[in-house]
């Protein structure tokens, strides 16, 4: 239900200039999708929708631009330069040592990059654990970091 509703939201905002959650609720209802304002608000947050100024001078909901591979590499380089001290992998885990207090920031950045095979991250004070789906994915990310370093 949630994926269908969010897909419908994407379709609606692509077709219409939607300025408010009320307008979006009405558009969903007209298409046979029932939702509450609280659910819609969570959907907007989960989908990371933003408001931008439209050509008619009014604000409207839009989907954020998708990251391209160049953006991915630039963000990863910035993380490495600013907080990573060392890194290694063990089977499907990538372990990253950071400056004190920066492991959480590193995990947050890796989480937001939609890395293929990344299952989740866990941060301590100066150590980040990245769990990847399999050993090959961990080795691939390790080598990508190695090339950047």
C-alpha atoms as a PDB file:
ATOM      1  CA  UNK A   1       0.000   0.000   0.000  1.00  0.00           C
ATOM      2  CA  UNK A   2       2.733   2.493   0.967  1.00  0.00           C
ATOM      3  CA  UNK A   3       4.800   1.979  -2.222  1.00  0.00           C
ATOM      4  CA  UNK A   4       1.640   2.323  -4.344  1.00  0.00           C
ATOM      5  CA  UNK A   5       0.623   5.497  -2.517  1.00  0.00           C
ATOM      6  CA  UNK A   6       4.089   6.994  -2.848  1.00  0.00           C
ATOM      7  CA  UNK A   7       4.179   6.090  -6.533  1.00  0.00           C
ATOM      8  CA  UNK A   8       0.843   7.854  -6.964  1.00  0.00           C
ATOM      9  CA  UNK A   9       2.222  10.911  -5.125  1.00  0.00           C
ATOM     10  CA  UNK A  10       5.185  11.005  -7.517  1.00  0.00           C
ATOM     11  CA  UNK A  11       2.841  10.775 -10.483  1.00  0.00           C
ATOM     12  CA  UNK A  12       0.566  13.540  -9.172  1.00  0.00           C
ATOM     13  CA  UNK A  13       3.349  16.032  -8.478  1.00  0.00           C
ATOM     14  CA  UNK A  14       4.835  15.320 -11.908  1.00  0.00           C
ATOM     15  CA  UNK A  15       1.500  16.123 -13.573  1.00  0.00           C
ATOM     16  CA  UNK A  16       0.233  18.992 -11.402  1.00  0.00           C
ATOM     17  CA  UNK A  17       1.580  21.922  -9.420  1.00  0.00           C
ATOM     18  CA  UNK A  18       0.724  20.876  -5.860  1.00  0.00           C
ATOM     19  CA  UNK A  19       1.324  23.627  -3.305  1.00  0.00           C
ATOM     20  CA  UNK A  20      -0.149  22.137  -0.122  1.00  0.00           C
ATOM     21  CA  UNK A  21      -0.687  18.812   1.571  1.00  0.00           C
ATOM     22  CA  UNK A  22      -4.425  19.514   1.392  1.00  0.00           C
ATOM     23  CA  UNK A  23      -4.259  19.728  -2.402  1.00  0.00           C
ATOM     24  CA  UNK A  24      -2.263  16.517  -2.491  1.00  0.00           C
ATOM     25  CA  UNK A  25      -4.752  14.715  -0.227  1.00  0.00           C
ATOM     26  CA  UNK A  26      -7.578  15.823  -2.542  1.00  0.00           C
ATOM     27  CA  UNK A  27      -5.708  14.648  -5.656  1.00  0.00           C
ATOM     28  CA  UNK A  28      -5.031  11.275  -4.014  1.00  0.00           C
ATOM     29  CA  UNK A  29      -8.689  10.954  -3.024  1.00  0.00           C
ATOM     30  CA  UNK A  30      -9.802  11.744  -6.589  1.00  0.00           C
ATOM     31  CA  UNK A  31      -7.664   8.811  -7.742  1.00  0.00           C
ATOM     32  CA  UNK A  32      -9.195   6.489  -5.164  1.00  0.00           C
ATOM     33  CA  UNK A  33      -6.312   6.569  -2.674  1.00  0.00           C
ATOM     34  CA  UNK A  34      -7.395   7.243   0.893  1.00  0.00           C
ATOM     35  CA  UNK A  35      -4.850   8.760   3.262  1.00  0.00           C
ATOM     36  CA  UNK A  36      -4.618  10.908   6.364  1.00  0.00           C
ATOM     37  CA  UNK A  37      -2.639  14.120   6.691  1.00  0.00           C
ATOM     38  CA  UNK A  38      -0.251  12.427   9.143  1.00  0.00           C
ATOM     39  CA  UNK A  39       0.423   9.545   6.735  1.00  0.00           C
ATOM     40  CA  UNK A  40       0.892  11.960   3.856  1.00  0.00           C
ATOM     41  CA  UNK A  41       3.314  14.021   5.923  1.00  0.00           C
ATOM     42  CA  UNK A  42       5.386  10.885   6.633  1.00  0.00           C
ATOM     43  CA  UNK A  43       5.314   9.971   2.940  1.00  0.00           C
ATOM     44  CA  UNK A  44       6.581  13.424   1.965  1.00  0.00           C
ATOM     45  CA  UNK A  45       9.408  13.092   4.482  1.00  0.00           C
ATOM     46  CA  UNK A  46      10.294   9.535   3.400  1.00  0.00           C
ATOM     47  CA  UNK A  47      10.280  10.564  -0.258  1.00  0.00           C
ATOM     48  CA  UNK A  48      12.350  13.658   0.608  1.00  0.00           C
ATOM     49  CA  UNK A  49      10.029  15.867  -1.397  1.00  0.00           C
ATOM     50  CA  UNK A  50      10.893  19.539  -1.374  1.00  0.00           C
ATOM     51  CA  UNK A  51       9.105  22.695  -2.379  1.00  0.00           C
ATOM     52  CA  UNK A  52      10.540  24.801  -5.165  1.00  0.00           C
ATOM     53  CA  UNK A  53       9.407  27.949  -6.880  1.00  0.00           C
ATOM     54  CA  UNK A  54       7.458  27.021 -10.004  1.00  0.00           C
ATOM     55  CA  UNK A  55       7.333  28.927 -13.278  1.00  0.00           C
ATOM     56  CA  UNK A  56       4.039  30.547 -12.250  1.00  0.00           C
ATOM     57  CA  UNK A  57       5.600  32.067  -9.107  1.00  0.00           C
ATOM     58  CA  UNK A  58       4.008  29.621  -6.662  1.00  0.00           C
ATOM     59  CA  UNK A  59       5.794  26.974  -4.623  1.00  0.00           C
ATOM     60  CA  UNK A  60       5.148  23.331  -5.502  1.00  0.00           C
ATOM     61  CA  UNK A  61       6.253  19.890  -4.328  1.00  0.00           C
ATOM     62  CA  UNK A  62       8.990  18.256  -6.405  1.00  0.00           C
ATOM     63  CA  UNK A  63      11.207  15.228  -6.053  1.00  0.00           C
ATOM     64  CA  UNK A  64      14.862  15.999  -5.336  1.00  0.00           C
ATOM     65  CA  UNK A  65      17.316  15.524  -8.162  1.00  0.00           C
ATOM     66  CA  UNK A  66      18.785  12.030  -8.292  1.00  0.00           C
ATOM     67  CA  UNK A  67      22.433  11.701  -7.381  1.00  0.00           C
ATOM     68  CA  UNK A  68      24.672  10.894 -10.285  1.00  0.00           C
ATOM     69  CA  UNK A  69      27.893   8.914  -9.983  1.00  0.00           C
ATOM     70  CA  UNK A  70      30.046  12.083 -10.059  1.00  0.00           C
ATOM     71  CA  UNK A  71      28.148  13.458  -7.048  1.00  0.00           C
ATOM     72  CA  UNK A  72      28.602  10.114  -5.271  1.00  0.00           C
ATOM     73  CA  UNK A  73      32.355  10.197  -5.812  1.00  0.00           C
ATOM     74  CA  UNK A  74      32.652  13.842  -4.718  1.00  0.00           C
ATOM     75  CA  UNK A  75      30.747  13.201  -1.495  1.00  0.00           C
ATOM     76  CA  UNK A  76      32.798  10.123  -0.747  1.00  0.00           C
ATOM     77  CA  UNK A  77      36.054  12.017  -1.352  1.00  0.00           C
ATOM     78  CA  UNK A  78      34.936  14.765   1.020  1.00  0.00           C
ATOM     79  CA  UNK A  79      34.122  12.234   3.762  1.00  0.00           C
ATOM     80  CA  UNK A  80      37.477  10.549   3.355  1.00  0.00           C
ATOM     81  CA  UNK A  81      39.411  13.816   3.387  1.00  0.00           C
ATOM     82  CA  UNK A  82      37.647  15.260   6.401  1.00  0.00           C
ATOM     83  CA  UNK A  83      37.189  12.425   8.850  1.00  0.00           C
ATOM     84  CA  UNK A  84      38.540   9.000   7.870  1.00  0.00           C
ATOM     85  CA  UNK A  85      41.822   7.831   9.403  1.00  0.00           C
ATOM     86  CA  UNK A  86      41.845   4.231   8.136  1.00  0.00           C
ATOM     87  CA  UNK A  87      39.572   1.546   6.719  1.00  0.00           C
ATOM     88  CA  UNK A  88      39.549  -2.205   6.179  1.00  0.00           C
ATOM     89  CA  UNK A  89      37.101  -4.981   5.449  1.00  0.00           C
ATOM     90  CA  UNK A  90      36.371  -8.357   6.991  1.00  0.00           C
ATOM     91  CA  UNK A  91      34.064 -10.571   4.976  1.00  0.00           C
ATOM     92  CA  UNK A  92      30.908  -8.493   4.402  1.00  0.00           C
ATOM     93  CA  UNK A  93      31.822  -5.696   6.848  1.00  0.00           C
ATOM     94  CA  UNK A  94      33.691  -2.503   6.071  1.00  0.00           C
ATOM     95  CA  UNK A  95      35.262  -0.968   9.186  1.00  0.00           C
ATOM     96  CA  UNK A  96      36.153   2.708   9.057  1.00  0.00           C
ATOM     97  CA  UNK A  97      38.191   4.507  11.723  1.00  0.00           C
ATOM     98  CA  UNK A  98      37.466   8.237  11.922  1.00  0.00           C
ATOM     99  CA  UNK A  99      38.557  11.209  13.928  1.00  0.00           C
ATOM    100  CA  UNK A 100      36.896  11.191  17.385  1.00  0.00           C
ATOM    101  CA  UNK A 101      33.181  11.989  17.219  1.00  0.00           C
ATOM    102  CA  UNK A 102      32.880  11.700  13.428  1.00  0.00           C
ATOM    103  CA  UNK A 103      31.868   8.062  12.914  1.00  0.00           C
ATOM    104  CA  UNK A 104      28.183   8.992  13.058  1.00  0.00           C
ATOM    105  CA  UNK A 105      28.644  11.660  10.390  1.00  0.00           C
ATOM    106  CA  UNK A 106      30.463   9.171   8.180  1.00  0.00           C
ATOM    107  CA  UNK A 107      27.687   6.594   8.611  1.00  0.00           C
ATOM    108  CA  UNK A 108      25.033   9.170   7.854  1.00  0.00           C
ATOM    109  CA  UNK A 109      26.823  10.182   4.669  1.00  0.00           C
ATOM    110  CA  UNK A 110      27.278   6.574   3.532  1.00  0.00           C
ATOM    111  CA  UNK A 111      23.595   5.841   4.325  1.00  0.00           C
ATOM    112  CA  UNK A 112      22.445   8.725   2.156  1.00  0.00           C
ATOM    113  CA  UNK A 113      24.478   7.655  -0.884  1.00  0.00           C
ATOM    114  CA  UNK A 114      22.330   4.673  -1.918  1.00  0.00           C
ATOM    115  CA  UNK A 115      25.361   2.405  -2.198  1.00  0.00           C
ATOM    116  CA  UNK A 116      24.545  -0.829  -3.981  1.00  0.00           C
ATOM    117  CA  UNK A 117      24.678  -3.697  -1.483  1.00  0.00           C
ATOM    118  CA  UNK A 118      24.816  -1.546   1.667  1.00  0.00           C
ATOM    119  CA  UNK A 119      22.446  -3.074   4.220  1.00  0.00           C
ATOM    120  CA  UNK A 120      23.106  -0.692   7.113  1.00  0.00           C
ATOM    121  CA  UNK A 121      25.621   1.190   9.200  1.00  0.00           C
ATOM    122  CA  UNK A 122      26.501   1.387  12.877  1.00  0.00           C
ATOM    123  CA  UNK A 123      28.559   4.166  14.442  1.00  0.00           C
ATOM    124  CA  UNK A 124      30.532   4.392  17.616  1.00  0.00           C
ATOM    125  CA  UNK A 125      32.573   7.456  18.540  1.00  0.00           C
ATOM    126  CA  UNK A 126      35.441   6.916  16.111  1.00  0.00           C
ATOM    127  CA  UNK A 127      34.553   3.635  14.390  1.00  0.00           C
ATOM    128  CA  UNK A 128      31.931   3.005  11.728  1.00  0.00           C
ATOM    129  CA  UNK A 129      30.731  -0.444  10.673  1.00  0.00           C
ATOM    130  CA  UNK A 130      29.165  -0.758   7.236  1.00  0.00           C
ATOM    131  CA  UNK A 131      27.309  -4.036   6.702  1.00  0.00           C
ATOM    132  CA  UNK A 132      27.151  -5.051   3.062  1.00  0.00           C
ATOM    133  CA  UNK A 133      25.015  -7.741   1.519  1.00  0.00           C
ATOM    134  CA  UNK A 134      27.961 -10.001   0.722  1.00  0.00           C
ATOM    135  CA  UNK A 135      31.749 -10.197   0.682  1.00  0.00           C
ATOM    136  CA  UNK A 136      31.946  -9.059  -2.948  1.00  0.00           C
ATOM    137  CA  UNK A 137      30.004  -5.861  -2.207  1.00  0.00           C
ATOM    138  CA  UNK A 138      32.290  -5.108   0.755  1.00  0.00           C
ATOM    139  CA  UNK A 139      35.386  -5.674  -1.344  1.00  0.00           C
ATOM    140  CA  UNK A 140      33.973  -3.507  -4.155  1.00  0.00           C
ATOM    141  CA  UNK A 141      33.288  -0.582  -1.786  1.00  0.00           C
ATOM    142  CA  UNK A 142      36.703  -1.082  -0.179  1.00  0.00           C
ATOM    143  CA  UNK A 143      38.391  -0.811  -3.583  1.00  0.00           C
ATOM    144  CA  UNK A 144      36.351   2.266  -4.515  1.00  0.00           C
ATOM    145  CA  UNK A 145      37.472   3.950  -1.299  1.00  0.00           C
ATOM    146  CA  UNK A 146      41.033   2.800  -1.959  1.00  0.00           C
ATOM    147  CA  UNK A 147      41.010   4.415  -5.430  1.00  0.00           C
ATOM    148  CA  UNK A 148      39.759   7.678  -3.959  1.00  0.00           C
ATOM    149  CA  UNK A 149      42.322   7.662  -1.151  1.00  0.00           C
END
